Amino acid sequence: VPVMFEGESGAGKEVFATAIQTLSDRKEKPFVKINCASLPDTLLESELFGYKKGAFTDARKDKPGLFLMAHEGTLFLDEIGEMSLPLQAKLLRAVETGEIIPLGATKAEKVDVRFLAATNKELFKEVEKGNFREDLYYRLNVVNIKILPLRERKSDIPLFIDFFINQFNIIQAKKVTGISPPALEILLNHNYPGNIRELRNILEYAFIFCNEGQIKEKHLPDYLKGVVKGKRNLNKGEGIDTNKTADEGKQAENSSSKRFSEEKELILAALSRALWNRQKAAEILRVDRSTLWRKMKKFGIG
């Protein structure tokens, strides 16, 4: 059945679509992808439906469209929310009837295609605004999978870090073994407006400066370190005049804060080693799982 993926740019919609294709009965058949936002309407129509010789000035021979290329397989329509209403109407006919009419053709051709679609918009709201056809929406939205942004699934971050480190070690022939607890904390506290794509870019940047051992705070992009430095300065109360009594209180507070930070780093390091498996992390730390859960809640570790 058709599947609709909704999620922010860079959240991994195409990866999910590829996973579904790989597990489907059509896995041995063509998997054809197109970004609907990358082409103007006239080109997108000819790419999807193809054309016949003589359909327009430069059409010197027949060209099969992506529908025919995906016959008996799967067609992935990325950023479908960017498609114009007139082209949506033509797509609807193909989805409903399983027939396409190439540009310049006089008769329809049968195709057997499974549809996967993705959008970074809330498509139902686009339907309400009149920007997307309601009938096409319900045709393609049989199964709806919402891909959460990375900031709402931060427990995935250590897994992605390990994956990208392994990937870049192979690509760049380096020997990076992991990431230090302070650097991991920075990455866990970032909001990732660019989602997984941004995290990948951050680690690719770190690999420029780190050839072996752990990725450390100094290897991360400046914009991440700047935010952390500002927070630390704020926590230290820089620029604030205080009397001696307040200074003494601050010293005690800083000492407590240091212990707090060290304990949090130990927990983050254990979770990273255990690939975010809480039971294994608890065994590494030699504490009960319930104790680990309470500590994670105390330190705001999601």
Protein backbone atom coordinates (compact mmCIF):
# COMPACT_ATOMS: atom_id res chain seq x y z
CA VAL A 1 0.00 0.00 0.00
CA PRO A 2 1.10 3.63 -0.36
CA VAL A 3 3.08 5.15 2.53
CA MET A 4 3.41 8.84 3.37
CA PHE A 5 6.42 10.04 5.41
CA GLU A 6 6.14 13.38 7.19
CA GLY A 7 9.07 15.06 8.90
CA GLU A 8 11.52 17.93 8.85
CA SER A 9 14.27 18.16 6.26
CA GLY A 10 17.22 15.97 7.19
CA ALA A 11 15.24 13.77 9.61
CA GLY A 12 15.75 10.60 7.54
CA LYS A 13 12.57 10.19 5.48
CA GLU A 14 14.39 8.75 2.48
CA VAL A 15 16.28 6.32 4.71
CA PHE A 16 12.98 5.05 6.13
CA ALA A 17 11.56 4.74 2.60
CA THR A 18 14.61 2.75 1.50
CA ALA A 19 14.23 0.46 4.52
CA ILE A 20 10.61 -0.26 3.63
CA GLN A 21 11.57 -0.97 0.02
CA THR A 22 14.36 -3.31 1.15
CA LEU A 23 11.93 -5.30 3.31
CA SER A 24 9.09 -5.40 0.76
CA ASP A 25 8.08 -8.04 -1.78
CA ARG A 26 9.33 -5.65 -4.48
CA LYS A 27 12.90 -5.47 -3.13
CA GLU A 28 14.32 -7.12 -6.26
CA LYS A 29 12.45 -4.70 -8.53
CA PRO A 30 13.34 -1.08 -9.43
CA PHE A 31 13.33 1.55 -6.71
CA VAL A 32 13.03 4.91 -8.47
CA LYS A 33 13.36 8.22 -6.60
CA ILE A 34 12.63 11.81 -7.57
CA ASN A 35 12.63 15.09 -5.65
CA CYS A 36 9.50 16.94 -6.73
CA ALA A 37 10.95 20.27 -5.56
CA SER A 38 14.03 20.02 -7.77
CA LEU A 39 12.35 20.50 -11.16
CA PRO A 40 9.87 22.97 -12.66
CA ASP A 41 6.44 21.57 -13.58
CA THR A 42 7.11 21.05 -17.29
CA LEU A 43 10.28 19.05 -16.66
CA LEU A 44 8.80 17.16 -13.72
CA GLU A 45 5.84 16.04 -15.85
CA SER A 46 8.08 14.73 -18.63
CA GLU A 47 10.35 13.02 -16.06
CA LEU A 48 7.40 11.25 -14.44
CA PHE A 49 5.33 10.33 -17.49
CA GLY A 50 7.91 10.35 -20.30
CA TYR A 51 7.25 11.57 -23.84
CA LYS A 52 6.93 10.43 -27.43
CA LYS A 53 9.07 11.46 -30.34
CA GLY A 54 7.88 14.81 -31.69
CA ALA A 55 5.98 15.78 -28.54
CA PHE A 56 8.01 19.01 -28.51
CA THR A 57 10.89 20.57 -30.45
CA ASP A 58 13.79 18.63 -28.90
CA ALA A 59 11.91 15.32 -28.53
CA ARG A 60 13.88 13.41 -31.19
CA LYS A 61 13.05 9.98 -29.77
CA ASP A 62 10.76 8.33 -27.24
CA LYS A 63 11.77 8.65 -23.60
CA PRO A 64 10.25 6.42 -20.92
CA GLY A 65 9.28 8.25 -17.73
CA LEU A 66 9.95 7.26 -14.15
CA PHE A 67 6.59 5.47 -13.94
CA LEU A 68 7.68 3.01 -16.63
CA MET A 69 11.15 2.73 -15.11
CA ALA A 70 9.52 1.81 -11.78
CA HIS A 71 7.15 -0.75 -13.34
CA GLU A 72 6.60 -3.67 -10.91
CA GLY A 73 8.74 -1.79 -8.41
CA THR A 74 8.45 1.32 -6.23
CA LEU A 75 8.34 5.04 -6.99
CA PHE A 76 9.48 7.39 -4.20
CA LEU A 77 8.12 10.94 -4.54
CA ASP A 78 10.20 13.13 -2.24
CA GLU A 79 8.91 16.60 -1.23
CA ILE A 80 5.57 15.89 -2.83
CA GLY A 81 4.08 18.91 -1.07
CA GLU A 82 5.92 21.11 -3.59
CA MET A 83 4.07 19.67 -6.59
CA SER A 84 1.65 22.06 -8.34
CA LEU A 85 -2.11 21.43 -8.33
CA PRO A 86 -2.36 20.72 -12.11
CA LEU A 87 0.39 18.10 -11.90
CA GLN A 88 -1.23 16.65 -8.78
CA ALA A 89 -4.35 16.01 -10.88
CA LYS A 90 -2.33 14.03 -13.42
CA LEU A 91 -0.59 12.10 -10.67
CA LEU A 92 -3.95 11.28 -9.07
CA ARG A 93 -5.17 9.67 -12.30
CA ALA A 94 -2.05 7.51 -12.46
CA VAL A 95 -2.42 6.47 -8.82
CA GLU A 96 -6.13 5.65 -9.18
CA THR A 97 -6.11 3.86 -12.56
CA GLY A 98 -2.57 2.54 -12.84
CA GLU A 99 -2.37 4.20 -16.25
CA ILE A 100 -0.17 6.97 -17.60
CA ILE A 101 -0.27 9.00 -20.79
CA PRO A 102 3.21 10.14 -21.89
CA LEU A 103 3.47 13.59 -23.45
CA GLY A 104 2.51 13.39 -27.12
CA ALA A 105 0.92 9.94 -26.76
CA THR A 106 -2.57 9.08 -27.98
CA LYS A 107 -3.29 6.18 -25.65
CA ALA A 108 -2.66 5.23 -22.04
CA GLU A 109 -0.08 2.71 -20.86
CA LYS A 110 -0.55 0.36 -17.90
CA VAL A 111 1.95 0.48 -15.04
CA ASP A 112 2.24 -1.47 -11.78
CA VAL A 113 3.87 0.85 -9.25
CA ARG A 114 3.95 0.99 -5.46
CA PHE A 115 4.02 4.58 -4.13
CA LEU A 116 6.08 6.02 -1.30
CA ALA A 117 5.89 9.78 -0.73
CA ALA A 118 7.58 12.21 1.63
CA THR A 119 7.07 15.82 2.68
CA ASN A 120 8.55 18.27 5.15
CA LYS A 121 5.18 20.01 5.41
CA GLU A 122 2.10 19.15 7.47
CA LEU A 123 0.23 17.99 4.42
CA PHE A 124 -3.23 17.92 5.98
CA LYS A 125 -2.89 21.63 6.74
CA GLU A 126 -1.86 22.16 3.11
CA VAL A 127 -5.07 20.38 2.11
CA GLU A 128 -7.08 22.72 4.34
CA LYS A 129 -5.34 25.72 2.73
CA GLY A 130 -6.16 24.43 -0.75
CA ASN A 131 -2.49 23.88 -1.65
CA PHE A 132 -2.78 20.10 -1.95
CA ARG A 133 -5.57 17.98 -3.41
CA GLU A 134 -7.60 16.20 -0.76
CA ASP A 135 -8.31 13.19 -3.00
CA LEU A 136 -4.60 12.70 -3.77
CA TYR A 137 -3.74 13.12 -0.09
CA TYR A 138 -6.01 10.25 0.93
CA ARG A 139 -4.80 8.09 -1.96
CA LEU A 140 -1.16 8.41 -0.91
CA ASN A 141 -1.69 8.64 2.85
CA VAL A 142 -2.87 5.06 3.45
CA VAL A 143 -0.07 4.52 5.96
CA ASN A 144 1.33 7.66 7.59
CA ILE A 145 4.72 7.58 9.28
CA LYS A 146 5.82 10.71 11.11
CA ILE A 147 9.60 10.96 11.46
CA LEU A 148 10.43 12.88 14.63
CA PRO A 149 13.14 15.55 14.46
CA LEU A 150 16.44 14.58 16.08
CA ARG A 151 15.90 16.99 18.99
CA GLU A 152 12.90 14.86 20.02
CA ARG A 153 14.78 11.55 19.91
CA LYS A 154 18.11 12.40 21.44
CA SER A 155 18.63 8.85 22.67
CA ASP A 156 19.41 8.05 19.01
CA ILE A 157 22.34 10.48 18.93
CA PRO A 158 25.00 8.09 20.38
CA LEU A 159 23.90 5.44 17.87
CA PHE A 160 24.23 7.87 14.97
CA ILE A 161 27.62 9.04 16.27
CA ASP A 162 28.94 5.46 16.35
CA PHE A 163 27.53 4.80 12.88
CA PHE A 164 29.09 7.91 11.33
CA ILE A 165 32.44 7.36 13.09
CA ASN A 166 32.61 3.85 11.62
CA GLN A 167 31.59 5.19 8.22
CA PHE A 168 34.17 7.99 8.17
CA ASN A 169 36.90 5.68 9.48
CA ILE A 170 36.36 3.51 6.41
CA ILE A 171 36.04 6.40 3.96
CA GLN A 172 39.01 8.39 5.30
CA ALA A 173 41.17 5.48 6.53
CA LYS A 174 41.40 6.89 10.06
CA LYS A 175 41.39 5.30 13.52
CA VAL A 176 38.92 7.35 15.53
CA THR A 177 37.74 5.18 18.42
CA GLY A 178 34.81 7.20 19.77
CA ILE A 179 33.86 10.48 21.37
CA SER A 180 34.84 11.97 24.74
CA PRO A 181 32.14 12.57 27.40
CA PRO A 182 32.41 16.42 27.23
CA ALA A 183 32.08 16.36 23.42
CA LEU A 184 29.19 13.91 23.66
CA GLU A 185 27.44 16.18 26.16
CA ILE A 186 27.72 19.08 23.72
CA LEU A 187 26.17 17.00 20.94
CA LEU A 188 23.41 15.71 23.22
CA ASN A 189 22.45 19.26 24.23
CA HIS A 190 22.34 20.70 20.71
CA ASN A 191 18.90 21.20 19.10
CA TYR A 192 19.85 20.20 15.52
CA PRO A 193 17.81 22.45 13.24
CA GLY A 194 19.40 20.45 10.39
CA ASN A 195 18.56 17.12 12.05
CA ILE A 196 20.62 14.00 11.23
CA ARG A 197 22.15 15.67 8.18
CA GLU A 198 23.59 18.34 10.51
CA LEU A 199 24.95 15.74 12.95
CA ARG A 200 26.67 13.96 10.07
CA ASN A 201 28.24 17.24 8.91
CA ILE A 202 29.46 17.96 12.46
CA LEU A 203 31.23 14.61 12.66
CA GLU A 204 32.64 14.97 9.15
CA TYR A 205 34.08 18.32 10.28
CA ALA A 206 35.54 16.71 13.42
CA PHE A 207 37.30 14.10 11.28
CA ILE A 208 39.29 16.89 9.59
CA PHE A 209 41.08 17.55 12.90
CA CYS A 210 40.90 14.15 14.59
CA ASN A 211 42.90 11.29 13.05
CA GLU A 212 42.80 8.78 15.88
CA GLY A 213 41.59 8.32 19.44
CA GLN A 214 38.49 10.13 20.66
CA ILE A 215 36.75 13.13 19.14
CA LYS A 216 37.10 15.90 21.71
CA GLU A 217 35.47 19.24 22.32
CA LYS A 218 38.29 21.03 20.44
CA HIS A 219 37.49 19.05 17.29
CA LEU A 220 33.89 20.28 17.10
CA PRO A 221 32.74 23.27 15.01
CA ASP A 222 33.13 26.68 16.64
CA TYR A 223 29.40 27.43 16.66
CA LEU A 224 28.82 24.49 19.02
CA LYS A 225 31.72 25.40 21.31
CA GLY A 226 30.61 29.04 21.39
CA VAL A 227 27.16 28.15 22.71
CA VAL A 228 28.63 25.90 25.39
CA LYS A 229 31.19 28.53 26.41
CA GLY A 230 28.42 31.11 26.78
CA LYS A 231 26.43 28.77 28.98
CA ARG A 232 29.45 28.02 31.11
CA ASN A 233 30.24 31.70 31.52
CA LEU A 234 26.65 32.34 32.51
CA ASN A 235 26.79 29.54 35.05
CA LYS A 236 30.01 30.98 36.46
CA GLY A 237 28.38 34.39 36.86
CA GLU A 238 30.98 36.26 34.80
CA GLY A 239 30.49 40.03 34.74
CA ILE A 240 28.52 40.06 38.00
CA ASP A 241 29.85 41.98 41.03
CA THR A 242 29.49 40.04 44.28
CA ASN A 243 30.72 40.46 47.84
CA LYS A 244 32.98 38.05 49.68
CA THR A 245 30.11 36.10 51.24
CA ALA A 246 28.58 35.58 47.82
CA ASP A 247 31.98 34.50 46.46
CA GLU A 248 32.30 31.87 49.17
CA GLY A 249 28.84 30.61 48.36
CA LYS A 250 29.78 30.55 44.71
CA GLN A 251 32.86 28.44 45.43
CA ALA A 252 30.72 25.89 47.20
CA GLU A 253 28.25 25.98 44.37
CA ASN A 254 31.02 25.50 41.78
CA SER A 255 32.40 22.55 43.74
CA SER A 256 28.97 20.96 43.82
CA SER A 257 28.50 21.75 40.15
CA LYS A 258 31.83 20.08 39.34
CA ARG A 259 30.78 16.88 41.13
CA PHE A 260 27.43 17.06 39.35
CA SER A 261 29.16 17.43 35.97
CA GLU A 262 31.64 14.60 36.60
CA GLU A 263 28.87 12.20 37.59
CA LYS A 264 26.83 13.17 34.54
CA GLU A 265 29.86 12.61 32.28
CA LEU A 266 30.39 9.13 33.74
CA ILE A 267 26.77 8.22 33.02
CA LEU A 268 26.96 9.60 29.46
CA ALA A 269 30.17 7.69 28.81
CA ALA A 270 28.63 4.44 30.07
CA LEU A 271 25.50 4.96 27.97
CA SER A 272 27.64 5.64 24.92
CA ARG A 273 29.69 2.47 25.47
CA ALA A 274 26.47 0.49 25.94
CA LEU A 275 24.92 1.98 22.76
CA TRP A 276 22.29 3.57 24.99
CA ASN A 277 21.17 0.24 26.47
CA ARG A 278 20.28 1.16 30.07
CA GLN A 279 20.73 -2.35 31.48
CA LYS A 280 24.24 -2.65 30.04
CA ALA A 281 25.10 0.90 31.12
CA ALA A 282 23.99 0.07 34.68
CA GLU A 283 26.26 -3.00 34.64
CA ILE A 284 29.21 -0.86 33.46
CA LEU A 285 28.55 1.61 36.30
CA ARG A 286 27.86 -1.24 38.76
CA VAL A 287 24.55 0.20 39.90
CA ASP A 288 20.94 -0.97 39.77
CA ARG A 289 18.97 -0.06 36.68
CA SER A 290 16.49 1.86 38.87
CA THR A 291 19.39 3.91 40.28
CA LEU A 292 20.62 4.69 36.78
CA TRP A 293 17.09 5.73 35.76
CA ARG A 294 16.85 8.14 38.73
CA LYS A 295 20.26 9.62 37.94
CA MET A 296 19.34 10.10 34.27
CA LYS A 297 16.15 11.87 35.31
CA LYS A 298 18.13 14.07 37.73
CA PHE A 299 20.64 15.09 35.05
CA GLY A 300 18.04 15.53 32.32
CA ILE A 301 19.44 12.76 30.14
CA GLY A 302 16.70 11.66 27.72
